[in-house]
Amino acid sequence: MTPRQRIATALACAASLGLTGQAGAQDAGKEKGGKEKCFGVAKAGANDCANLTGTHTCAGQSRVSMHPAEWKYVPRGTCKEMNGMTAEEAKAKTEKS
């Protein structure tokens, strides 16, 4: 990663910190509304938001399909049927890699 890319990444991360409270409130509303985060099921470019590893902070930026750090909202109770993982399971899997 070049110094310019590192600076751009750092600025993007800093800018996203201001949105964390808003995103958290939106997440809670969606999860209560019959949806849940499902990790490891998002196709490349079809994730719903930032990943667990912090390599990006926005929806649609995943580069690899079915990566354990990427997630999307699915109807509650369907994640396991799709071979998905909870956040805790995904964190454990990405830490091993």
PDB file of N, CA and C in Angstrom:
ATOM      1  N   MET A   1       0.846  -1.169   0.000  1.00  0.00           N
ATOM      2  CA  MET A   1       0.000   0.000   0.000  1.00  0.00           C
ATOM      3  C   MET A   1       0.893   1.234   0.000  1.00  0.00           C
ATOM      4  N   THR A   2       0.613   2.162  -0.890  1.00  0.00           N
ATOM      5  CA  THR A   2       1.422   3.371  -0.993  1.00  0.00           C
ATOM      6  C   THR A   2       1.059   4.342   0.123  1.00  0.00           C
ATOM      7  N   PRO A   3       1.935   5.285   0.423  1.00  0.00           N
ATOM      8  CA  PRO A   3       1.622   6.279   1.455  1.00  0.00           C
ATOM      9  C   PRO A   3       0.334   7.049   1.143  1.00  0.00           C
ATOM     10  N   ARG A   4       0.101   7.338  -0.114  1.00  0.00           N
ATOM     11  CA  ARG A   4      -1.116   8.062  -0.503  1.00  0.00           C
ATOM     12  C   ARG A   4      -2.357   7.228  -0.195  1.00  0.00           C
ATOM     13  N   GLN A   5      -2.299   5.918  -0.463  1.00  0.00           N
ATOM     14  CA  GLN A   5      -3.425   5.035  -0.166  1.00  0.00           C
ATOM     15  C   GLN A   5      -3.654   4.935   1.333  1.00  0.00           C
ATOM     16  N   ARG A   6      -2.581   4.886   2.102  1.00  0.00           N
ATOM     17  CA  ARG A   6      -2.708   4.815   3.562  1.00  0.00           C
ATOM     18  C   ARG A   6      -3.384   6.068   4.108  1.00  0.00           C
ATOM     19  N   ILE A   7      -2.999   7.208   3.595  1.00  0.00           N
ATOM     20  CA  ILE A   7      -3.606   8.468   4.049  1.00  0.00           C
ATOM     21  C   ILE A   7      -5.078   8.497   3.682  1.00  0.00           C
ATOM     22  N   ALA A   8      -5.410   8.096   2.463  1.00  0.00           N
ATOM     23  CA  ALA A   8      -6.802   8.075   2.028  1.00  0.00           C
ATOM     24  C   ALA A   8      -7.620   7.122   2.883  1.00  0.00           C
ATOM     25  N   THR A   9      -7.047   5.970   3.207  1.00  0.00           N
ATOM     26  CA  THR A   9      -7.745   5.002   4.051  1.00  0.00           C
ATOM     27  C   THR A   9      -7.960   5.570   5.451  1.00  0.00           C
ATOM     28  N   ALA A  10      -6.937   6.201   6.000  1.00  0.00           N
ATOM     29  CA  ALA A  10      -7.047   6.791   7.336  1.00  0.00           C
ATOM     30  C   ALA A  10      -8.114   7.879   7.359  1.00  0.00           C
ATOM     31  N   LEU A  11      -8.150   8.715   6.337  1.00  0.00           N
ATOM     32  CA  LEU A  11      -9.167   9.771   6.279  1.00  0.00           C
ATOM     33  C   LEU A  11     -10.564   9.188   6.151  1.00  0.00           C
ATOM     34  N   ALA A  12     -10.705   8.143   5.357  1.00  0.00           N
ATOM     35  CA  ALA A  12     -12.015   7.502   5.201  1.00  0.00           C
ATOM     36  C   ALA A  12     -12.480   6.897   6.519  1.00  0.00           C
ATOM     37  N   CYS A  13     -11.561   6.281   7.242  1.00  0.00           N
ATOM     38  CA  CYS A  13     -11.904   5.707   8.544  1.00  0.00           C
ATOM     39  C   CYS A  13     -12.310   6.799   9.531  1.00  0.00           C
ATOM     40  N   ALA A  14     -11.560   7.885   9.557  1.00  0.00           N
ATOM     41  CA  ALA A  14     -11.879   8.984  10.469  1.00  0.00           C
ATOM     42  C   ALA A  14     -13.238   9.582  10.138  1.00  0.00           C
ATOM     43  N   ALA A  15     -13.524   9.741   8.860  1.00  0.00           N
ATOM     44  CA  ALA A  15     -14.811  10.297   8.453  1.00  0.00           C
ATOM     45  C   ALA A  15     -15.951   9.366   8.826  1.00  0.00           C
ATOM     46  N   SER A  16     -15.714   8.074   8.743  1.00  0.00           N
ATOM     47  CA  SER A  16     -16.782   7.117   9.046  1.00  0.00           C
ATOM     48  C   SER A  16     -17.091   7.065  10.537  1.00  0.00           C
ATOM     49  N   LEU A  17     -16.159   7.456  11.386  1.00  0.00           N
ATOM     50  CA  LEU A  17     -16.410   7.427  12.830  1.00  0.00           C
ATOM     51  C   LEU A  17     -17.563   8.347  13.219  1.00  0.00           C
ATOM     52  N   GLY A  18     -17.734   9.423  12.513  1.00  0.00           N
ATOM     53  CA  GLY A  18     -18.844  10.328  12.798  1.00  0.00           C
ATOM     54  C   GLY A  18     -20.184   9.733  12.442  1.00  0.00           C
ATOM     55  N   LEU A  19     -20.190   8.749  11.577  1.00  0.00           N
ATOM     56  CA  LEU A  19     -21.435   8.112  11.152  1.00  0.00           C
ATOM     57  C   LEU A  19     -21.768   6.872  11.971  1.00  0.00           C
ATOM     58  N   THR A  20     -20.884   6.477  12.860  1.00  0.00           N
ATOM     59  CA  THR A  20     -21.068   5.236  13.596  1.00  0.00           C
ATOM     60  C   THR A  20     -22.344   5.246  14.431  1.00  0.00           C
ATOM     61  N   GLY A  21     -22.621   6.332  15.110  1.00  0.00           N
ATOM     62  CA  GLY A  21     -23.826   6.409  15.937  1.00  0.00           C
ATOM     63  C   GLY A  21     -25.085   6.276  15.107  1.00  0.00           C
ATOM     64  N   GLN A  22     -25.117   6.927  13.955  1.00  0.00           N
ATOM     65  CA  GLN A  22     -26.275   6.841  13.080  1.00  0.00           C
ATOM     66  C   GLN A  22     -26.435   5.433  12.530  1.00  0.00           C
ATOM     67  N   ALA A  23     -25.336   4.821  12.131  1.00  0.00           N
ATOM     68  CA  ALA A  23     -25.397   3.467  11.576  1.00  0.00           C
ATOM     69  C   ALA A  23     -25.846   2.482  12.640  1.00  0.00           C
ATOM     70  N   GLY A  24     -25.375   2.676  13.873  1.00  0.00           N
ATOM     71  CA  GLY A  24     -25.781   1.787  14.961  1.00  0.00           C
ATOM     72  C   GLY A  24     -27.277   1.847  15.209  1.00  0.00           C
ATOM     73  N   ALA A  25     -27.839   3.041  15.155  1.00  0.00           N
ATOM     74  CA  ALA A  25     -29.279   3.191  15.344  1.00  0.00           C
ATOM     75  C   ALA A  25     -30.040   2.539  14.199  1.00  0.00           C
ATOM     76  N   GLN A  26     -29.543   2.682  12.978  1.00  0.00           N
ATOM     77  CA  GLN A  26     -30.190   2.046  11.837  1.00  0.00           C
ATOM     78  C   GLN A  26     -30.092   0.535  11.941  1.00  0.00           C
ATOM     79  N   ASP A  27     -28.924   0.020  12.353  1.00  0.00           N
ATOM     80  CA  ASP A  27     -28.747  -1.418  12.499  1.00  0.00           C
ATOM     81  C   ASP A  27     -29.745  -1.981  13.500  1.00  0.00           C
ATOM     82  N   ALA A  28     -29.884  -1.314  14.637  1.00  0.00           N
ATOM     83  CA  ALA A  28     -30.784  -1.805  15.662  1.00  0.00           C
ATOM     84  C   ALA A  28     -32.216  -1.840  15.149  1.00  0.00           C
ATOM     85  N   GLY A  29     -32.603  -0.830  14.395  1.00  0.00           N
ATOM     86  CA  GLY A  29     -33.956  -0.795  13.851  1.00  0.00           C
ATOM     87  C   GLY A  29     -34.208  -1.914  12.864  1.00  0.00           C
ATOM     88  N   LYS A  30     -33.240  -2.199  12.019  1.00  0.00           N
ATOM     89  CA  LYS A  30     -33.417  -3.261  11.028  1.00  0.00           C
ATOM     90  C   LYS A  30     -33.451  -4.621  11.698  1.00  0.00           C
ATOM     91  N   GLU A  31     -32.575  -4.826  12.692  1.00  0.00           N
ATOM     92  CA  GLU A  31     -32.543  -6.126  13.343  1.00  0.00           C
ATOM     93  C   GLU A  31     -33.834  -6.379  14.107  1.00  0.00           C
ATOM     94  N   LYS A  32     -34.421  -5.361  14.655  1.00  0.00           N
ATOM     95  CA  LYS A  32     -35.698  -5.527  15.343  1.00  0.00           C
ATOM     96  C   LYS A  32     -36.835  -5.729  14.349  1.00  0.00           C
ATOM     97  N   GLY A  33     -36.658  -5.231  13.139  1.00  0.00           N
ATOM     98  CA  GLY A  33     -37.707  -5.299  12.136  1.00  0.00           C
ATOM     99  C   GLY A  33     -37.719  -6.600  11.346  1.00  0.00           C
ATOM    100  N   GLY A  34     -37.170  -7.677  11.880  1.00  0.00           N
ATOM    101  CA  GLY A  34     -37.210  -8.947  11.191  1.00  0.00           C
ATOM    102  C   GLY A  34     -36.020  -9.236  10.311  1.00  0.00           C
ATOM    103  N   LYS A  35     -34.966  -8.453  10.440  1.00  0.00           N
ATOM    104  CA  LYS A  35     -33.750  -8.675   9.651  1.00  0.00           C
ATOM    105  C   LYS A  35     -32.589  -8.903  10.610  1.00  0.00           C
ATOM    106  N   GLU A  36     -31.571  -9.584  10.123  1.00  0.00           N
ATOM    107  CA  GLU A  36     -30.352  -9.789  10.907  1.00  0.00           C
ATOM    108  C   GLU A  36     -29.142  -9.732   9.992  1.00  0.00           C
ATOM    109  N   LYS A  37     -27.985  -9.395  10.575  1.00  0.00           N
ATOM    110  CA  LYS A  37     -26.741  -9.390   9.814  1.00  0.00           C
ATOM    111  C   LYS A  37     -26.296 -10.830   9.629  1.00  0.00           C
ATOM    112  N   CYS A  38     -25.925 -11.153   8.410  1.00  0.00           N
ATOM    113  CA  CYS A  38     -25.460 -12.499   8.098  1.00  0.00           C
ATOM    114  C   CYS A  38     -24.104 -12.376   7.408  1.00  0.00           C
ATOM    115  N   PHE A  39     -23.078 -12.935   8.028  1.00  0.00           N
ATOM    116  CA  PHE A  39     -21.712 -12.831   7.528  1.00  0.00           C
ATOM    117  C   PHE A  39     -21.370 -14.024   6.644  1.00  0.00           C
ATOM    118  N   GLY A  40     -20.591 -13.759   5.601  1.00  0.00           N
ATOM    119  CA  GLY A  40     -20.116 -14.820   4.731  1.00  0.00           C
ATOM    120  C   GLY A  40     -21.059 -15.192   3.605  1.00  0.00           C
ATOM    121  N   VAL A  41     -22.099 -14.390   3.371  1.00  0.00           N
ATOM    122  CA  VAL A  41     -23.056 -14.716   2.307  1.00  0.00           C
ATOM    123  C   VAL A  41     -23.144 -13.644   1.223  1.00  0.00           C
ATOM    124  N   ALA A  42     -22.482 -12.506   1.439  1.00  0.00           N
ATOM    125  CA  ALA A  42     -22.557 -11.405   0.475  1.00  0.00           C
ATOM    126  C   ALA A  42     -21.699 -11.690  -0.747  1.00  0.00           C
ATOM    127  N   LYS A  43     -22.250 -11.430  -1.896  1.00  0.00           N
ATOM    128  CA  LYS A  43     -21.483 -11.565  -3.139  1.00  0.00           C
ATOM    129  C   LYS A  43     -20.633 -10.315  -3.332  1.00  0.00           C
ATOM    130  N   ALA A  44     -19.606 -10.423  -4.142  1.00  0.00           N
ATOM    131  CA  ALA A  44     -18.724  -9.290  -4.410  1.00  0.00           C
ATOM    132  C   ALA A  44     -19.554  -8.092  -4.876  1.00  0.00           C
ATOM    133  N   GLY A  45     -19.350  -6.960  -4.220  1.00  0.00           N
ATOM    134  CA  GLY A  45     -20.066  -5.740  -4.571  1.00  0.00           C
ATOM    135  C   GLY A  45     -21.486  -5.665  -4.044  1.00  0.00           C
ATOM    136  N   ALA A  46     -21.908  -6.644  -3.237  1.00  0.00           N
ATOM    137  CA  ALA A  46     -23.288  -6.666  -2.750  1.00  0.00           C
ATOM    138  C   ALA A  46     -23.382  -6.696  -1.224  1.00  0.00           C
ATOM    139  N   ASN A  47     -22.327  -6.271  -0.526  1.00  0.00           N
ATOM    140  CA  ASN A  47     -22.377  -6.203   0.931  1.00  0.00           C
ATOM    141  C   ASN A  47     -23.199  -4.997   1.365  1.00  0.00           C
ATOM    142  N   ASP A  48     -23.687  -5.016   2.619  1.00  0.00           N
ATOM    143  CA  ASP A  48     -24.540  -3.929   3.079  1.00  0.00           C
ATOM    144  C   ASP A  48     -23.800  -2.789   3.777  1.00  0.00           C
ATOM    145  N   CYS A  49     -22.626  -3.012   4.320  1.00  0.00           N
ATOM    146  CA  CYS A  49     -21.902  -1.911   4.960  1.00  0.00           C
ATOM    147  C   CYS A  49     -20.467  -2.344   5.241  1.00  0.00           C
ATOM    148  N   ALA A  50     -19.811  -1.645   6.170  1.00  0.00           N
ATOM    149  CA  ALA A  50     -18.404  -1.915   6.485  1.00  0.00           C
ATOM    150  C   ALA A  50     -18.179  -3.366   6.890  1.00  0.00           C
ATOM    151  N   ASN A  51     -16.987  -3.879   6.599  1.00  0.00           N
ATOM    152  CA  ASN A  51     -16.689  -5.260   6.974  1.00  0.00           C
ATOM    153  C   ASN A  51     -16.001  -5.335   8.329  1.00  0.00           C
ATOM    154  N   LEU A  52     -15.817  -6.533   8.816  1.00  0.00           N
ATOM    155  CA  LEU A  52     -15.205  -6.737  10.133  1.00  0.00           C
ATOM    156  C   LEU A  52     -13.732  -6.367  10.179  1.00  0.00           C
ATOM    157  N   THR A  53     -13.038  -6.514   9.079  1.00  0.00           N
ATOM    158  CA  THR A  53     -11.598  -6.283   9.083  1.00  0.00           C
ATOM    159  C   THR A  53     -11.221  -4.819   8.905  1.00  0.00           C
ATOM    160  N   GLY A  54     -12.178  -3.970   8.556  1.00  0.00           N
ATOM    161  CA  GLY A  54     -11.916  -2.547   8.419  1.00  0.00           C
ATOM    162  C   GLY A  54     -11.245  -2.141   7.125  1.00  0.00           C
ATOM    163  N   THR A  55     -11.271  -2.992   6.126  1.00  0.00           N
ATOM    164  CA  THR A  55     -10.633  -2.636   4.860  1.00  0.00           C
ATOM    165  C   THR A  55     -11.505  -1.726   4.011  1.00  0.00           C
ATOM    166  N   HIS A  56     -12.781  -1.597   4.361  1.00  0.00           N
ATOM    167  CA  HIS A  56     -13.663  -0.621   3.715  1.00  0.00           C
ATOM    168  C   HIS A  56     -14.798  -0.278   4.670  1.00  0.00           C
ATOM    169  N   THR A  57     -15.471   0.834   4.399  1.00  0.00           N
ATOM    170  CA  THR A  57     -16.507   1.306   5.318  1.00  0.00           C
ATOM    171  C   THR A  57     -17.862   1.494   4.664  1.00  0.00           C
ATOM    172  N   CYS A  58     -18.017   1.061   3.428  1.00  0.00           N
ATOM    173  CA  CYS A  58     -19.273   1.338   2.730  1.00  0.00           C
ATOM    174  C   CYS A  58     -19.871   0.106   2.070  1.00  0.00           C
ATOM    175  N   ALA A  59     -21.154   0.214   1.781  1.00  0.00           N
ATOM    176  CA  ALA A  59     -21.865  -0.845   1.069  1.00  0.00           C
ATOM    177  C   ALA A  59     -21.345  -0.964  -0.353  1.00  0.00           C
ATOM    178  N   GLY A  60     -21.384  -2.175  -0.881  1.00  0.00           N
ATOM    179  CA  GLY A  60     -21.001  -2.403  -2.263  1.00  0.00           C
ATOM    180  C   GLY A  60     -19.510  -2.427  -2.537  1.00  0.00           C
ATOM    181  N   GLN A  61     -18.690  -2.454  -1.495  1.00  0.00           N
ATOM    182  CA  GLN A  61     -17.247  -2.414  -1.711  1.00  0.00           C
ATOM    183  C   GLN A  61     -16.547  -3.753  -1.508  1.00  0.00           C
ATOM    184  N   SER A  62     -17.281  -4.808  -1.249  1.00  0.00           N
ATOM    185  CA  SER A  62     -16.632  -6.111  -1.092  1.00  0.00           C
ATOM    186  C   SER A  62     -16.073  -6.546  -2.437  1.00  0.00           C
ATOM    187  N   ARG A  63     -14.926  -7.174  -2.402  1.00  0.00           N
ATOM    188  CA  ARG A  63     -14.271  -7.593  -3.643  1.00  0.00           C
ATOM    189  C   ARG A  63     -14.317  -9.098  -3.854  1.00  0.00           C
ATOM    190  N   VAL A  64     -14.666  -9.839  -2.799  1.00  0.00           N
ATOM    191  CA  VAL A  64     -14.675 -11.292  -2.862  1.00  0.00           C
ATOM    192  C   VAL A  64     -16.043 -11.804  -2.421  1.00  0.00           C
ATOM    193  N   SER A  65     -16.623 -12.666  -3.182  1.00  0.00           N
ATOM    194  CA  SER A  65     -17.904 -13.264  -2.800  1.00  0.00           C
ATOM    195  C   SER A  65     -17.721 -14.208  -1.617  1.00  0.00           C
ATOM    196  N   MET A  66     -18.681 -14.179  -0.726  1.00  0.00           N
ATOM    197  CA  MET A  66     -18.769 -15.074   0.427  1.00  0.00           C
ATOM    198  C   MET A  66     -17.604 -14.950   1.413  1.00  0.00           C
ATOM    199  N   HIS A  67     -16.962 -13.802   1.464  1.00  0.00           N
ATOM    200  CA  HIS A  67     -15.874 -13.601   2.427  1.00  0.00           C
ATOM    201  C   HIS A  67     -16.475 -13.520   3.825  1.00  0.00           C
ATOM    202  N   PRO A  68     -15.871 -14.177   4.831  1.00  0.00           N
ATOM    203  CA  PRO A  68     -16.455 -14.191   6.170  1.00  0.00           C
ATOM    204  C   PRO A  68     -16.561 -12.820   6.832  1.00  0.00           C
ATOM    205  N   ALA A  69     -15.773 -11.844   6.422  1.00  0.00           N
ATOM    206  CA  ALA A  69     -15.826 -10.512   7.027  1.00  0.00           C
ATOM    207  C   ALA A  69     -16.926  -9.640   6.430  1.00  0.00           C
ATOM    208  N   GLU A  70     -17.489 -10.051   5.306  1.00  0.00           N
ATOM    209  CA  GLU A  70     -18.534  -9.267   4.635  1.00  0.00           C
ATOM    210  C   GLU A  70     -19.917  -9.762   5.062  1.00  0.00           C
ATOM    211  N   TRP A  71     -20.882  -8.847   5.114  1.00  0.00           N
ATOM    212  CA  TRP A  71     -22.219  -9.230   5.555  1.00  0.00           C
ATOM    213  C   TRP A  71     -23.290  -8.516   4.763  1.00  0.00           C
ATOM    214  N   LYS A  72     -24.495  -9.019   4.925  1.00  0.00           N
ATOM    215  CA  LYS A  72     -25.684  -8.340   4.393  1.00  0.00           C
ATOM    216  C   LYS A  72     -26.857  -8.692   5.291  1.00  0.00           C
ATOM    217  N   TYR A  73     -27.894  -7.866   5.218  1.00  0.00           N
ATOM    218  CA  TYR A  73     -29.106  -8.141   5.985  1.00  0.00           C
ATOM    219  C   TYR A  73     -29.912  -9.218   5.281  1.00  0.00           C
ATOM    220  N   VAL A  74     -30.395 -10.163   6.067  1.00  0.00           N
ATOM    221  CA  VAL A  74     -31.253 -11.228   5.554  1.00  0.00           C
ATOM    222  C   VAL A  74     -32.445 -11.352   6.494  1.00  0.00           C
ATOM    223  N   PRO A  75     -33.546 -11.946   6.047  1.00  0.00           N
ATOM    224  CA  PRO A  75     -34.676 -12.151   6.950  1.00  0.00           C
ATOM    225  C   PRO A  75     -34.247 -12.973   8.165  1.00  0.00           C
ATOM    226  N   ARG A  76     -34.711 -12.566   9.340  1.00  0.00           N
ATOM    227  CA  ARG A  76     -34.347 -13.243  10.587  1.00  0.00           C
ATOM    228  C   ARG A  76     -34.633 -14.740  10.476  1.00  0.00           C
ATOM    229  N   GLY A  77     -33.647 -15.530  10.896  1.00  0.00           N
ATOM    230  CA  GLY A  77     -33.787 -16.975  10.907  1.00  0.00           C
ATOM    231  C   GLY A  77     -33.328 -17.675   9.634  1.00  0.00           C
ATOM    232  N   THR A  78     -32.907 -16.923   8.620  1.00  0.00           N
ATOM    233  CA  THR A  78     -32.495 -17.551   7.366  1.00  0.00           C
ATOM    234  C   THR A  78     -30.979 -17.617   7.181  1.00  0.00           C
ATOM    235  N   CYS A  79     -30.233 -16.976   8.046  1.00  0.00           N
ATOM    236  CA  CYS A  79     -28.771 -16.911   7.873  1.00  0.00           C
ATOM    237  C   CYS A  79     -28.143 -18.302   7.886  1.00  0.00           C
ATOM    238  N   LYS A  80     -28.475 -19.103   8.855  1.00  0.00           N
ATOM    239  CA  LYS A  80     -27.879 -20.444   8.952  1.00  0.00           C
ATOM    240  C   LYS A  80     -28.260 -21.300   7.750  1.00  0.00           C
ATOM    241  N   GLU A  81     -29.478 -21.121   7.246  1.00  0.00           N
ATOM    242  CA  GLU A  81     -29.920 -21.869   6.065  1.00  0.00           C
ATOM    243  C   GLU A  81     -29.067 -21.514   4.850  1.00  0.00           C
ATOM    244  N   MET A  82     -28.528 -20.287   4.835  1.00  0.00           N
ATOM    245  CA  MET A  82     -27.697 -19.816   3.723  1.00  0.00           C
ATOM    246  C   MET A  82     -26.216 -20.119   3.963  1.00  0.00           C
ATOM    247  N   ASN A  83     -25.923 -20.894   5.015  1.00  0.00           N
ATOM    248  CA  ASN A  83     -24.541 -21.201   5.428  1.00  0.00           C
ATOM    249  C   ASN A  83     -23.800 -19.963   5.893  1.00  0.00           C
ATOM    250  N   GLY A  84     -24.535 -19.010   6.464  1.00  0.00           N
ATOM    251  CA  GLY A  84     -23.943 -17.790   6.986  1.00  0.00           C
ATOM    252  C   GLY A  84     -23.500 -17.939   8.425  1.00  0.00           C
ATOM    253  N   MET A  85     -22.903 -16.864   8.948  1.00  0.00           N
ATOM    254  CA  MET A  85     -22.353 -16.864  10.305  1.00  0.00           C
ATOM    255  C   MET A  85     -22.813 -15.637  11.078  1.00  0.00           C
ATOM    256  N   THR A  86     -22.763 -15.738  12.393  1.00  0.00           N
ATOM    257  CA  THR A  86     -22.983 -14.581  13.255  1.00  0.00           C
ATOM    258  C   THR A  86     -21.699 -13.750  13.245  1.00  0.00           C
ATOM    259  N   ALA A  87     -21.761 -12.558  13.821  1.00  0.00           N
ATOM    260  CA  ALA A  87     -20.576 -11.695  13.887  1.00  0.00           C
ATOM    261  C   ALA A  87     -19.455 -12.368  14.673  1.00  0.00           C
ATOM    262  N   GLU A  88     -19.804 -13.035  15.760  1.00  0.00           N
ATOM    263  CA  GLU A  88     -18.797 -13.694  16.583  1.00  0.00           C
ATOM    264  C   GLU A  88     -18.115 -14.832  15.818  1.00  0.00           C
ATOM    265  N   GLU A  89     -18.900 -15.623  15.103  1.00  0.00           N
ATOM    266  CA  GLU A  89     -18.336 -16.717  14.304  1.00  0.00           C
ATOM    267  C   GLU A  89     -17.429 -16.169  13.201  1.00  0.00           C
ATOM    268  N   ALA A  90     -17.870 -15.095  12.559  1.00  0.00           N
ATOM    269  CA  ALA A  90     -17.089 -14.497  11.476  1.00  0.00           C
ATOM    270  C   ALA A  90     -15.784 -13.908  12.002  1.00  0.00           C
ATOM    271  N   LYS A  91     -15.829 -13.261  13.178  1.00  0.00           N
ATOM    272  CA  LYS A  91     -14.605 -12.712  13.771  1.00  0.00           C
ATOM    273  C   LYS A  91     -13.605 -13.817  14.053  1.00  0.00           C
ATOM    274  N   ALA A  92     -14.098 -14.923  14.622  1.00  0.00           N
ATOM    275  CA  ALA A  92     -13.215 -16.045  14.924  1.00  0.00           C
ATOM    276  C   ALA A  92     -12.590 -16.607  13.657  1.00  0.00           C
ATOM    277  N   LYS A  93     -13.379 -16.700  12.600  1.00  0.00           N
ATOM    278  CA  LYS A  93     -12.870 -17.259  11.343  1.00  0.00           C
ATOM    279  C   LYS A  93     -11.858 -16.329  10.679  1.00  0.00           C
ATOM    280  N   THR A  94     -12.104 -15.013  10.730  1.00  0.00           N
ATOM    281  CA  THR A  94     -11.162 -14.084  10.105  1.00  0.00           C
ATOM    282  C   THR A  94      -9.874 -13.966  10.906  1.00  0.00           C
ATOM    283  N   GLU A  95      -9.950 -14.169  12.208  1.00  0.00           N
ATOM    284  CA  GLU A  95      -8.732 -14.116  13.034  1.00  0.00           C
ATOM    285  C   GLU A  95      -7.830 -15.309  12.766  1.00  0.00           C
ATOM    286  N   LYS A  96      -8.418 -16.445  12.412  1.00  0.00           N
ATOM    287  CA  LYS A  96      -7.634 -17.652  12.111  1.00  0.00           C
ATOM    288  C   LYS A  96      -6.927 -17.535  10.777  1.00  0.00           C
ATOM    289  N   SER A  97      -7.511 -16.755   9.847  1.00  0.00           N
ATOM    290  CA  SER A  97      -6.950 -16.647   8.492  1.00  0.00           C
ATOM    291  C   SER A  97      -5.712 -15.811   8.445  1.00  0.00           C
TER     292      SER A  97
END
